[in-house]
C-alpha atoms as a PDB file:
ATOM      1  CA  MET A   1       0.000   0.000   0.000  1.00  0.00           C
ATOM      2  CA  THR A   2       2.824   2.386   0.851  1.00  0.00           C
ATOM      3  CA  VAL A   3       4.326   1.720  -2.575  1.00  0.00           C
ATOM      4  CA  LEU A   4       1.026   2.621  -4.260  1.00  0.00           C
ATOM      5  CA  ILE A   5       0.684   5.884  -2.325  1.00  0.00           C
ATOM      6  CA  THR A   6       4.330   6.768  -3.010  1.00  0.00           C
ATOM      7  CA  LEU A   7       3.840   6.041  -6.707  1.00  0.00           C
ATOM      8  CA  LEU A   8       0.697   8.190  -6.875  1.00  0.00           C
ATOM      9  CA  ALA A   9       2.402  11.025  -4.990  1.00  0.00           C
ATOM     10  CA  GLY A  10       5.349  10.852  -7.394  1.00  0.00           C
ATOM     11  CA  VAL A  11       3.079  11.024 -10.433  1.00  0.00           C
ATOM     12  CA  ALA A  12       1.146  13.955  -8.968  1.00  0.00           C
ATOM     13  CA  ALA A  13       4.339  15.878  -8.207  1.00  0.00           C
ATOM     14  CA  ALA A  14       6.024  15.193 -11.568  1.00  0.00           C
ATOM     15  CA  PRO A  15       6.723  18.249 -13.716  1.00  0.00           C
ATOM     16  CA  GLN A  16       4.810  18.743 -16.949  1.00  0.00           C
ATOM     17  CA  ALA A  17       6.409  16.941 -19.884  1.00  0.00           C
ATOM     18  CA  CYS A  18       7.256  18.954 -22.955  1.00  0.00           C
ATOM     19  CA  ALA A  19       6.833  17.102 -26.245  1.00  0.00           C
ATOM     20  CA  CYS A  20       7.701  20.030 -28.516  1.00  0.00           C
ATOM     21  CA  SER A  21      11.264  20.467 -29.579  1.00  0.00           C
ATOM     22  CA  CYS A  22      12.732  22.050 -32.657  1.00  0.00           C
ATOM     23  CA  VAL A  23      15.857  23.777 -33.796  1.00  0.00           C
ATOM     24  CA  PRO A  24      15.380  27.556 -33.586  1.00  0.00           C
ATOM     25  CA  VAL A  25      14.380  28.843 -37.010  1.00  0.00           C
ATOM     26  CA  ASP A  26      16.217  31.763 -38.543  1.00  0.00           C
ATOM     27  CA  PRO A  27      13.692  33.750 -40.622  1.00  0.00           C
ATOM     28  CA  GLY A  28      15.890  33.174 -43.668  1.00  0.00           C
ATOM     29  CA  GLN A  29      15.448  29.427 -43.225  1.00  0.00           C
ATOM     30  CA  GLY A  30      11.657  29.721 -42.937  1.00  0.00           C
ATOM     31  CA  PHE A  31      11.128  31.458 -46.294  1.00  0.00           C
ATOM     32  CA  PRO A  32      11.140  28.449 -48.640  1.00  0.00           C
ATOM     33  CA  ASP A  33       8.701  26.393 -46.570  1.00  0.00           C
ATOM     34  CA  ALA A  34       6.238  29.191 -45.777  1.00  0.00           C
ATOM     35  CA  ASP A  35       3.137  29.710 -47.896  1.00  0.00           C
ATOM     36  CA  LEU A  36       2.347  32.887 -45.956  1.00  0.00           C
ATOM     37  CA  ILE A  37       4.810  35.467 -44.665  1.00  0.00           C
ATOM     38  CA  ALA A  38       2.997  38.497 -43.317  1.00  0.00           C
ATOM     39  CA  GLU A  39       3.026  41.266 -40.735  1.00  0.00           C
ATOM     40  CA  VAL A  40      -0.301  40.911 -38.943  1.00  0.00           C
ATOM     41  CA  SER A  41      -2.364  41.809 -35.895  1.00  0.00           C
ATOM     42  CA  VAL A  42      -5.058  39.693 -34.260  1.00  0.00           C
ATOM     43  CA  ILE A  43      -8.705  40.366 -35.074  1.00  0.00           C
ATOM     44  CA  SER A  44     -10.177  37.359 -33.296  1.00  0.00           C
ATOM     45  CA  VAL A  45      -9.229  34.139 -31.541  1.00  0.00           C
ATOM     46  CA  GLN A  46     -11.247  30.929 -31.349  1.00  0.00           C
ATOM     47  CA  ARG A  47      -9.791  28.624 -28.727  1.00  0.00           C
ATOM     48  CA  GLY A  48     -10.369  24.922 -29.084  1.00  0.00           C
ATOM     49  CA  TRP A  49      -9.381  21.671 -27.441  1.00  0.00           C
ATOM     50  CA  THR A  50      -6.572  20.854 -29.876  1.00  0.00           C
ATOM     51  CA  THR A  51      -6.435  23.870 -32.189  1.00  0.00           C
ATOM     52  CA  ASN A  52      -6.616  27.633 -31.790  1.00  0.00           C
ATOM     53  CA  THR A  53      -7.768  29.581 -34.843  1.00  0.00           C
ATOM     54  CA  PHE A  54      -6.479  33.125 -35.260  1.00  0.00           C
ATOM     55  CA  THR A  55      -7.999  35.627 -37.656  1.00  0.00           C
ATOM     56  CA  PHE A  56      -5.452  38.265 -38.589  1.00  0.00           C
ATOM     57  CA  GLN A  57      -5.581  41.629 -40.272  1.00  0.00           C
ATOM     58  CA  VAL A  58      -2.709  41.695 -42.751  1.00  0.00           C
ATOM     59  CA  HIS A  59      -0.696  44.908 -42.678  1.00  0.00           C
ATOM     60  CA  ARG A  60       2.067  43.800 -45.040  1.00  0.00           C
ATOM     61  CA  GLU A  61       2.722  40.595 -46.925  1.00  0.00           C
ATOM     62  CA  TRP A  62       5.704  38.964 -48.607  1.00  0.00           C
ATOM     63  CA  LYS A  63       4.147  35.613 -49.564  1.00  0.00           C
ATOM     64  CA  GLY A  64       0.565  34.540 -49.336  1.00  0.00           C
ATOM     65  CA  GLU A  65      -3.043  35.048 -50.224  1.00  0.00           C
ATOM     66  CA  HIS A  66      -2.868  38.824 -50.835  1.00  0.00           C
ATOM     67  CA  ALA A  67      -5.992  39.251 -48.750  1.00  0.00           C
ATOM     68  CA  PRO A  68      -6.628  41.861 -46.046  1.00  0.00           C
ATOM     69  CA  VAL A  69      -7.677  39.112 -43.613  1.00  0.00           C
ATOM     70  CA  VAL A  70      -6.257  35.597 -43.165  1.00  0.00           C
ATOM     71  CA  THR A  71      -7.062  32.736 -40.824  1.00  0.00           C
ATOM     72  CA  VAL A  72      -4.245  30.647 -39.373  1.00  0.00           C
ATOM     73  CA  ASP A  73      -4.433  27.608 -37.065  1.00  0.00           C
ATOM     74  CA  SER A  74      -1.970  26.573 -34.377  1.00  0.00           C
ATOM     75  CA  ALA A  75      -1.919  23.773 -31.834  1.00  0.00           C
ATOM     76  CA  ALA A  76      -3.702  24.828 -28.644  1.00  0.00           C
ATOM     77  CA  GLN A  77      -0.967  23.563 -26.313  1.00  0.00           C
ATOM     78  CA  ASP A  78       2.621  24.766 -26.277  1.00  0.00           C
ATOM     79  CA  THR A  79       3.686  21.171 -25.628  1.00  0.00           C
ATOM     80  CA  ALA A  80       2.369  20.400 -29.120  1.00  0.00           C
ATOM     81  CA  CYS A  81       4.415  23.314 -30.549  1.00  0.00           C
ATOM     82  CA  GLY A  82       1.440  25.667 -30.518  1.00  0.00           C
ATOM     83  CA  VAL A  83       2.025  29.392 -30.592  1.00  0.00           C
ATOM     84  CA  THR A  84      -0.237  32.013 -29.034  1.00  0.00           C
ATOM     85  CA  PHE A  85      -0.961  35.407 -30.516  1.00  0.00           C
ATOM     86  CA  GLU A  86      -2.455  38.003 -28.178  1.00  0.00           C
ATOM     87  CA  GLY A  87      -5.304  40.252 -29.272  1.00  0.00           C
ATOM     88  CA  ASP A  88      -3.790  43.322 -27.630  1.00  0.00           C
ATOM     89  CA  GLY A  89      -3.000  45.255 -30.804  1.00  0.00           C
ATOM     90  CA  ALA A  90       0.457  43.700 -31.055  1.00  0.00           C
ATOM     91  CA  ARG A  91       2.055  43.133 -34.434  1.00  0.00           C
ATOM     92  CA  TYR A  92       3.433  39.746 -35.411  1.00  0.00           C
ATOM     93  CA  LEU A  93       5.511  38.372 -38.225  1.00  0.00           C
ATOM     94  CA  VAL A  94       3.788  35.118 -39.147  1.00  0.00           C
ATOM     95  CA  PHE A  95       5.228  32.260 -41.159  1.00  0.00           C
ATOM     96  CA  ALA A  96       2.496  29.742 -42.016  1.00  0.00           C
ATOM     97  CA  SER A  97       2.264  26.700 -44.291  1.00  0.00           C
ATOM     98  CA  GLN A  98      -0.644  24.980 -46.008  1.00  0.00           C
ATOM     99  CA  PHE A  99      -1.742  21.691 -44.450  1.00  0.00           C
ATOM    100  CA  ASN A 100      -4.987  19.941 -45.418  1.00  0.00           C
ATOM    101  CA  GLY A 101      -6.281  23.137 -46.988  1.00  0.00           C
ATOM    102  CA  ARG A 102      -5.607  25.319 -43.933  1.00  0.00           C
ATOM    103  CA  LEU A 103      -2.789  27.666 -43.004  1.00  0.00           C
ATOM    104  CA  ILE A 104      -0.934  26.470 -39.898  1.00  0.00           C
ATOM    105  CA  THR A 105       1.888  27.878 -37.799  1.00  0.00           C
ATOM    106  CA  GLY A 106       3.729  26.876 -34.667  1.00  0.00           C
ATOM    107  CA  VAL A 107       6.731  27.491 -32.473  1.00  0.00           C
ATOM    108  CA  CYS A 108       9.044  25.910 -35.043  1.00  0.00           C
ATOM    109  CA  SER A 109       7.871  28.111 -37.933  1.00  0.00           C
ATOM    110  CA  GLY A 110       9.706  31.247 -36.818  1.00  0.00           C
ATOM    111  CA  SER A 111       6.603  33.377 -36.171  1.00  0.00           C
ATOM    112  CA  SER A 112       7.302  36.112 -33.642  1.00  0.00           C
ATOM    113  CA  ARG A 113       6.045  39.324 -32.075  1.00  0.00           C
ATOM    114  CA  ILE A 114       7.667  42.280 -33.813  1.00  0.00           C
ATOM    115  CA  ASP A 115       6.249  45.434 -32.259  1.00  0.00           C
ATOM    116  CA  GLY A 116       8.466  47.171 -29.756  1.00  0.00           C
ATOM    117  CA  ALA A 117      11.767  45.391 -29.339  1.00  0.00           C
ATOM    118  CA  ASP A 118      12.397  42.716 -31.962  1.00  0.00           C
ATOM    119  CA  PRO A 119      15.441  40.952 -30.514  1.00  0.00           C
ATOM    120  CA  SER A 120      15.591  38.470 -33.387  1.00  0.00           C
ATOM    121  CA  ASN A 121      15.525  41.225 -36.048  1.00  0.00           C
ATOM    122  CA  ALA A 122      13.127  38.929 -37.912  1.00  0.00           C
ATOM    123  CA  LEU A 123      11.330  41.780 -39.678  1.00  0.00           C
ATOM    124  CA  ALA A 124      14.618  43.347 -40.801  1.00  0.00           C
ATOM    125  CA  ASP A 125      15.786  39.940 -42.098  1.00  0.00           C
ATOM    126  CA  VAL A 126      12.575  39.449 -44.078  1.00  0.00           C
ATOM    127  CA  GLN A 127      12.785  42.938 -45.572  1.00  0.00           C
ATOM    128  CA  ALA A 128      16.470  42.495 -46.458  1.00  0.00           C
ATOM    129  CA  GLN A 129      15.799  39.224 -48.281  1.00  0.00           C
ATOM    130  CA  LEU A 130      12.334  39.788 -49.755  1.00  0.00           C
ATOM    131  CA  GLY A 131      12.003  43.571 -50.037  1.00  0.00           C
ATOM    132  CA  PRO A 132       9.450  45.899 -48.465  1.00  0.00           C
ATOM    133  CA  GLY A 133       6.427  43.631 -48.978  1.00  0.00           C
ATOM    134  CA  THR A 134       3.010  44.656 -50.257  1.00  0.00           C
ATOM    135  CA  VAL A 135       0.018  46.102 -48.483  1.00  0.00           C
ATOM    136  CA  PRO A 136      -3.113  44.135 -49.338  1.00  0.00           C
ATOM    137  CA  ASP A 137      -6.109  45.959 -50.780  1.00  0.00           C
ATOM    138  CA  LYS A 138      -8.433  46.494 -47.817  1.00  0.00           C
ATOM    139  CA  GLY A 139     -11.571  46.421 -49.954  1.00  0.00           C
ATOM    140  CA  ASP A 140     -15.012  47.171 -48.537  1.00  0.00           C
ATOM    141  CA  GLY A 141     -15.080  44.147 -46.224  1.00  0.00           C
ATOM    142  CA  ALA A 142     -11.876  44.747 -44.279  1.00  0.00           C
ATOM    143  CA  LEU A 143     -12.148  43.879 -40.630  1.00  0.00           C
ATOM    144  CA  THR A 144     -10.679  46.361 -38.209  1.00  0.00           C
ATOM    145  CA  GLY A 145     -11.103  47.211 -34.572  1.00  0.00           C
ATOM    146  CA  PRO A 146     -10.313  45.485 -31.311  1.00  0.00           C
ATOM    147  CA  ALA A 147      -9.676  41.772 -31.202  1.00  0.00           C
ATOM    148  CA  THR A 148     -12.291  39.434 -29.801  1.00  0.00           C
ATOM    149  CA  VAL A 149     -11.865  36.068 -28.151  1.00  0.00           C
ATOM    150  CA  ALA A 150     -14.614  33.518 -28.611  1.00  0.00           C
ATOM    151  CA  PRO A 151     -15.741  31.862 -25.382  1.00  0.00           C
ATOM    152  CA  GLY A 152     -13.564  28.825 -24.768  1.00  0.00           C
ATOM    153  CA  THR A 153     -16.185  26.211 -24.143  1.00  0.00           C
ATOM    154  CA  ALA A 154     -13.650  23.490 -24.853  1.00  0.00           C
ATOM    155  CA  ARG A 155     -11.298  24.865 -22.225  1.00  0.00           C
ATOM    156  CA  SER A 156     -14.122  25.159 -19.694  1.00  0.00           C
ATOM    157  CA  TRP A 157     -15.035  21.538 -20.378  1.00  0.00           C
ATOM    158  CA  ARG A 158     -11.390  20.477 -20.035  1.00  0.00           C
ATOM    159  CA  THR A 159     -11.029  22.246 -16.693  1.00  0.00           C
ATOM    160  CA  ALA A 160     -14.174  20.571 -15.390  1.00  0.00           C
ATOM    161  CA  ALA A 161     -13.031  17.168 -16.665  1.00  0.00           C
ATOM    162  CA  LEU A 162      -9.604  17.490 -15.071  1.00  0.00           C
ATOM    163  CA  GLY A 163     -11.104  18.633 -11.775  1.00  0.00           C
ATOM    164  CA  GLY A 164     -13.666  15.836 -11.812  1.00  0.00           C
ATOM    165  CA  GLY A 165     -11.005  13.274 -12.718  1.00  0.00           C
ATOM    166  CA  ALA A 166      -8.762  14.439  -9.878  1.00  0.00           C
ATOM    167  CA  ALA A 167     -11.658  14.269  -7.412  1.00  0.00           C
ATOM    168  CA  LEU A 168     -12.563  10.770  -8.618  1.00  0.00           C
ATOM    169  CA  ALA A 169      -8.944   9.633  -8.238  1.00  0.00           C
ATOM    170  CA  LEU A 170      -8.824  10.945  -4.658  1.00  0.00           C
ATOM    171  CA  VAL A 171     -12.055   9.142  -3.780  1.00  0.00           C
ATOM    172  CA  ALA A 172     -10.713   5.908  -5.312  1.00  0.00           C
ATOM    173  CA  ILE A 173      -7.500   6.196  -3.287  1.00  0.00           C
ATOM    174  CA  GLY A 174      -9.514   6.847  -0.125  1.00  0.00           C
ATOM    175  CA  VAL A 175     -11.683   3.786  -0.718  1.00  0.00           C
ATOM    176  CA  LEU A 176      -8.602   1.673  -1.415  1.00  0.00           C
ATOM    177  CA  VAL A 177      -6.940   2.811   1.815  1.00  0.00           C
ATOM    178  CA  VAL A 178     -10.072   1.997   3.846  1.00  0.00           C
ATOM    179  CA  VAL A 179     -10.412  -1.467   2.247  1.00  0.00           C
ATOM    180  CA  VAL A 180      -6.740  -2.304   2.857  1.00  0.00           C
ATOM    181  CA  ARG A 181      -6.862  -1.154   6.496  1.00  0.00           C
ATOM    182  CA  ARG A 182      -9.952  -3.313   7.255  1.00  0.00           C
ATOM    183  CA  ARG A 183      -8.169  -6.485   6.168  1.00  0.00           C
END
């Protein structure tokens, strides 16, 4: 019984495992693989269980759809190499690739925040290699304004499931301890 409790305590205290690993990407290395290279800001975020979907306003583009608005997916968890873009008016340099008909990006793509200090000089590297970029035609349907975040029903469900699972595990351990002690 002591071994079981020690094992469970060890599992509960273990640090979170990180499954994502990649060699840091120099923006120059990301150019050939990217289907979209753009300076963007977040219009909206839809958070999901496995995937977050970001809708961006395109401010400048070097490769891509030449549209004023693009949608890009990323894994929801950083352990799956997901990247998060904040809807706080920040500007990002996004490298995304087509996969199953959708644009995707992640930690290993080289996407980065570029407003304020840009320690990687990613924007300068892109401009040096690809020129000044183009500004997409905004058209009549351009989306502007503050970013919105869709309610994360999947995350609420996940939190409830994890809490319920933890409570169930504690009850099971309690019952096991009582049964063993009565023997």
